[in-house]
C-alpha atoms as a PDB file:
ATOM      1  CA  MET A   1       8.432  -7.285 -16.574  1.00  0.00           C
ATOM      2  CA  ALA A   2       9.520 -10.842 -16.030  1.00  0.00           C
ATOM      3  CA  ASP A   3       6.033 -12.305 -16.141  1.00  0.00           C
ATOM      4  CA  GLU A   4       3.432 -11.905 -18.867  1.00  0.00           C
ATOM      5  CA  GLY A   5       0.660 -13.756 -16.974  1.00  0.00           C
ATOM      6  CA  LEU A   6      -2.418 -12.284 -15.359  1.00  0.00           C
ATOM      7  CA  PHE A   7      -1.340  -9.906 -12.559  1.00  0.00           C
ATOM      8  CA  GLY A   8       2.015 -11.659 -12.273  1.00  0.00           C
ATOM      9  CA  LEU A   9       0.464 -14.670 -10.538  1.00  0.00           C
ATOM     10  CA  GLU A  10       2.759 -17.175 -12.244  1.00  0.00           C
ATOM     11  CA  ASP A  11       5.845 -15.225 -11.207  1.00  0.00           C
ATOM     12  CA  LEU A  12       4.468 -14.865  -7.668  1.00  0.00           C
ATOM     13  CA  SER A  13       3.785 -18.608  -7.518  1.00  0.00           C
ATOM     14  CA  ASN A  14       7.357 -19.408  -8.568  1.00  0.00           C
ATOM     15  CA  LYS A  15       8.816 -17.020  -5.980  1.00  0.00           C
ATOM     16  CA  LEU A  16       6.617 -18.412  -3.217  1.00  0.00           C
ATOM     17  CA  ASN A  17       7.562 -21.986  -4.098  1.00  0.00           C
ATOM     18  CA  ASN A  18      11.255 -21.042  -3.960  1.00  0.00           C
ATOM     19  CA  SER A  19      10.735 -19.323  -0.588  1.00  0.00           C
ATOM     20  CA  VAL A  20       8.907 -22.274   0.912  1.00  0.00           C
ATOM     21  CA  GLY A  21      11.718 -24.652  -0.045  1.00  0.00           C
ATOM     22  CA  THR A  22      13.935 -23.396   2.785  1.00  0.00           C
ATOM     23  CA  GLY A  23      13.907 -25.228   6.104  1.00  0.00           C
ATOM     24  CA  ASP A  24      13.936 -22.149   8.369  1.00  0.00           C
ATOM     25  CA  THR A  25      10.353 -21.226   9.313  1.00  0.00           C
ATOM     26  CA  GLU A  26      11.120 -17.622  10.298  1.00  0.00           C
ATOM     27  CA  ALA A  27      13.054 -16.920   7.106  1.00  0.00           C
ATOM     28  CA  MET A  28      10.333 -18.601   5.078  1.00  0.00           C
ATOM     29  CA  THR A  29       7.636 -16.440   6.717  1.00  0.00           C
ATOM     30  CA  LYS A  30       9.562 -13.250   6.005  1.00  0.00           C
ATOM     31  CA  ALA A  31      10.223 -14.287   2.410  1.00  0.00           C
ATOM     32  CA  VAL A  32       6.587 -15.166   1.746  1.00  0.00           C
ATOM     33  CA  GLY A  33       5.423 -11.933   3.385  1.00  0.00           C
ATOM     34  CA  GLY A  34       7.874  -9.918   1.328  1.00  0.00           C
ATOM     35  CA  GLU A  35       6.815 -11.584  -1.907  1.00  0.00           C
ATOM     36  CA  LEU A  36       3.125 -11.039  -1.183  1.00  0.00           C
ATOM     37  CA  GLN A  37       3.715  -7.431  -0.204  1.00  0.00           C
ATOM     38  CA  GLY A  38       5.648  -6.794  -3.399  1.00  0.00           C
ATOM     39  CA  TRP A  39       2.924  -8.437  -5.476  1.00  0.00           C
ATOM     40  CA  LEU A  40       0.215  -6.347  -3.835  1.00  0.00           C
ATOM     41  CA  GLN A  41       2.244  -3.187  -4.295  1.00  0.00           C
ATOM     42  CA  ASN A  42       3.081  -3.841  -7.945  1.00  0.00           C
ATOM     43  CA  TYR A  43      -0.181  -5.298  -9.242  1.00  0.00           C
ATOM     44  CA  ILE A  44      -3.182  -4.901  -6.944  1.00  0.00           C
ATOM     45  CA  PHE A  45      -2.769  -1.354  -5.575  1.00  0.00           C
ATOM     46  CA  PRO A  46      -2.490   0.246  -9.037  1.00  0.00           C
ATOM     47  CA  LEU A  47      -5.490  -1.785 -10.189  1.00  0.00           C
ATOM     48  CA  MET A  48      -7.570  -0.631  -7.222  1.00  0.00           C
ATOM     49  CA  ILE A  49      -6.607   3.015  -7.732  1.00  0.00           C
ATOM     50  CA  GLY A  50      -7.556   2.700 -11.399  1.00  0.00           C
ATOM     51  CA  LEU A  51     -10.926   1.189 -10.497  1.00  0.00           C
ATOM     52  CA  VAL A  52     -11.650   3.958  -7.989  1.00  0.00           C
ATOM     53  CA  ILE A  53     -10.789   6.645 -10.540  1.00  0.00           C
ATOM     54  CA  PHE A  54     -12.931   4.882 -13.159  1.00  0.00           C
ATOM     55  CA  ALA A  55     -15.878   4.711 -10.739  1.00  0.00           C
ATOM     56  CA  THR A  56     -15.473   8.420  -9.960  1.00  0.00           C
ATOM     57  CA  VAL A  57     -15.463   9.330 -13.650  1.00  0.00           C
ATOM     58  CA  LEU A  58     -18.585   7.205 -14.190  1.00  0.00           C
ATOM     59  CA  ALA A  59     -20.388   8.858 -11.273  1.00  0.00           C
ATOM     60  CA  VAL A  60     -19.474  12.344 -12.512  1.00  0.00           C
ATOM     61  CA  PHE A  61     -20.537  11.590 -16.085  1.00  0.00           C
ATOM     62  CA  TYR A  62     -23.779  10.017 -14.880  1.00  0.00           C
ATOM     63  CA  GLY A  63     -24.474  13.054 -12.696  1.00  0.00           C
ATOM     64  CA  GLY A  64     -23.659  15.394 -15.562  1.00  0.00           C
ATOM     65  CA  PHE A  65     -25.963  13.487 -17.890  1.00  0.00           C
ATOM     66  CA  LEU A  66     -28.779  13.623 -15.344  1.00  0.00           C
ATOM     67  CA  TYR A  67     -28.203  17.324 -14.765  1.00  0.00           C
ATOM     68  CA  PHE A  68     -28.275  18.209 -18.460  1.00  0.00           C
ATOM     69  CA  THR A  69     -31.381  16.091 -19.097  1.00  0.00           C
ATOM     70  CA  ALA A  70     -33.271  17.361 -16.036  1.00  0.00           C
ATOM     71  CA  TYR A  71     -34.979  20.158 -18.031  1.00  0.00           C
ATOM     72  CA  GLY A  72     -35.966  22.081 -14.937  1.00  0.00           C
ATOM     73  CA  ASP A  73     -36.991  19.054 -12.836  1.00  0.00           C
ATOM     74  CA  GLU A  74     -35.623  19.800  -9.360  1.00  0.00           C
ATOM     75  CA  ASN A  75     -35.607  16.129  -8.268  1.00  0.00           C
ATOM     76  CA  LYS A  76     -33.416  15.075 -11.202  1.00  0.00           C
ATOM     77  CA  ALA A  77     -31.101  18.061 -10.712  1.00  0.00           C
ATOM     78  CA  THR A  78     -30.736  17.261  -7.011  1.00  0.00           C
ATOM     79  CA  MET A  79     -30.054  13.597  -7.770  1.00  0.00           C
ATOM     80  CA  ALA A  80     -27.440  14.649 -10.340  1.00  0.00           C
ATOM     81  CA  LYS A  81     -25.687  16.948  -7.878  1.00  0.00           C
ATOM     82  CA  LYS A  82     -25.662  14.177  -5.259  1.00  0.00           C
ATOM     83  CA  SER A  83     -24.187  11.723  -7.760  1.00  0.00           C
ATOM     84  CA  ILE A  84     -21.351  14.091  -8.580  1.00  0.00           C
ATOM     85  CA  THR A  85     -20.759  14.939  -4.916  1.00  0.00           C
ATOM     86  CA  TYR A  86     -20.767  11.300  -3.802  1.00  0.00           C
ATOM     87  CA  GLY A  87     -18.405  10.383  -6.613  1.00  0.00           C
ATOM     88  CA  PHE A  88     -15.825  12.903  -5.427  1.00  0.00           C
ATOM     89  CA  ILE A  89     -16.355  11.967  -1.769  1.00  0.00           C
ATOM     90  CA  GLY A  90     -15.699   8.323  -2.661  1.00  0.00           C
ATOM     91  CA  LEU A  91     -12.546   9.304  -4.526  1.00  0.00           C
ATOM     92  CA  PHE A  92     -11.337  11.341  -1.553  1.00  0.00           C
ATOM     93  CA  ILE A  93     -11.976   8.500   0.912  1.00  0.00           C
ATOM     94  CA  ALA A  94     -10.230   5.962  -1.330  1.00  0.00           C
ATOM     95  CA  LEU A  95      -7.184   8.196  -1.801  1.00  0.00           C
ATOM     96  CA  VAL A  96      -6.952   8.873   1.944  1.00  0.00           C
ATOM     97  CA  ALA A  97      -7.139   5.131   2.633  1.00  0.00           C
ATOM     98  CA  PHE A  98      -4.437   4.456   0.039  1.00  0.00           C
ATOM     99  CA  THR A  99      -2.248   7.204   1.515  1.00  0.00           C
ATOM    100  CA  ILE A 100      -2.616   5.814   5.036  1.00  0.00           C
ATOM    101  CA  THR A 101      -1.776   2.272   3.980  1.00  0.00           C
ATOM    102  CA  SER A 102       1.228   3.494   1.982  1.00  0.00           C
ATOM    103  CA  TYR A 103       2.457   5.511   4.978  1.00  0.00           C
ATOM    104  CA  VAL A 104       2.089   2.572   7.375  1.00  0.00           C
ATOM    105  CA  ARG A 105       3.782   0.187   4.920  1.00  0.00           C
ATOM    106  CA  GLN A 106       6.677   2.610   4.446  1.00  0.00           C
ATOM    107  CA  ASN A 107       7.133   2.993   8.210  1.00  0.00           C
ATOM    108  CA  LEU A 108       7.072  -0.775   8.706  1.00  0.00           C
ATOM    109  CA  ASP A 109       9.743  -1.178   6.047  1.00  0.00           C
ATOM    110  CA  THR A 110      11.842   1.543   7.696  1.00  0.00           C
ATOM    111  CA  LYS A 111      11.439  -0.067  11.132  1.00  0.00           C
ATOM    112  CA  GLN A 112      12.517  -3.448   9.782  1.00  0.00           C
ATOM    113  CA  ALA A 113      15.556  -1.831   8.155  1.00  0.00           C
ATOM    114  CA  GLU A 114      16.488  -0.140  11.446  1.00  0.00           C
ATOM    115  CA  GLU A 115      16.169  -3.437  13.316  1.00  0.00           C
ATOM    116  CA  LYS A 116      18.526  -5.098  10.831  1.00  0.00           C
ATOM    117  CA  LEU A 117      20.958  -2.199  11.128  1.00  0.00           C
ATOM    118  CA  TYR A 118      21.173  -2.315  14.933  1.00  0.00           C
ATOM    119  CA  GLN A 119      20.816  -6.075  15.287  1.00  0.00           C
ATOM    120  CA  GLY A 120      24.529  -6.782  15.807  1.00  0.00           C
ATOM    121  CA  TYR A 121      25.361  -3.516  17.609  1.00  0.00           C
ATOM    122  CA  THR A 122      27.205  -3.706  20.919  1.00  0.00           C
ATOM    123  CA  ALA A 123      27.989  -0.828  23.223  1.00  0.00           C
ATOM    124  CA  PRO A 124      31.553   0.542  23.205  1.00  0.00           C
ATOM    125  CA  ILE A 125      33.836  -0.551  26.027  1.00  0.00           C
ATOM    126  CA  THR A 126      36.038   1.849  28.004  1.00  0.00           C
ATOM    127  CA  GLN A 127      39.626   1.189  28.977  1.00  0.00           C
ATOM    128  CA  GLU A 128      38.441  -0.197  32.314  1.00  0.00           C
ATOM    129  CA  GLY A 129      36.407  -2.867  30.487  1.00  0.00           C
ATOM    130  CA  THR A 130      32.956  -1.588  31.390  1.00  0.00           C
ATOM    131  CA  TYR A 131      30.178  -0.573  29.069  1.00  0.00           C
ATOM    132  CA  THR A 132      29.618   3.141  28.600  1.00  0.00           C
ATOM    133  CA  THR A 133      26.558   5.255  28.172  1.00  0.00           C
ATOM    134  CA  GLY A 134      26.162   8.055  25.686  1.00  0.00           C
ATOM    135  CA  GLU A 135      27.041  10.688  28.302  1.00  0.00           C
ATOM    136  CA  ASP A 136      30.393   8.996  29.028  1.00  0.00           C
ATOM    137  CA  LEU A 137      31.495   9.386  25.437  1.00  0.00           C
ATOM    138  CA  PHE A 138      31.393  13.201  25.426  1.00  0.00           C
END
């Protein structure tokens, strides 16, 4: 890694300052957005997934501890089962949310790449000098 600071904030700050130095507002907006997206993807998303997994493990261990120390008490056993169940439900919801955001982000990146690819495209011209449609080519 290029930066040894906390969550790469120093590196992000340097990149944002370099992006802002340009005079073109549209290019600057895209550069800043790209830098922030990369920072979120590289530092924050893995941290959040780690925190969710840690919280799930804590909930399961807490539920297991309650279950083993219930000694026949139905209220403690029920509370323990709920703790374990809610821990896994929370993990499932967090992973689904992460999957959806990753899918949307990937599709946005693909759409932007397609727009760049077809940005300078012009339709082919026939011998008569008119534009053709796809059916005319075959």
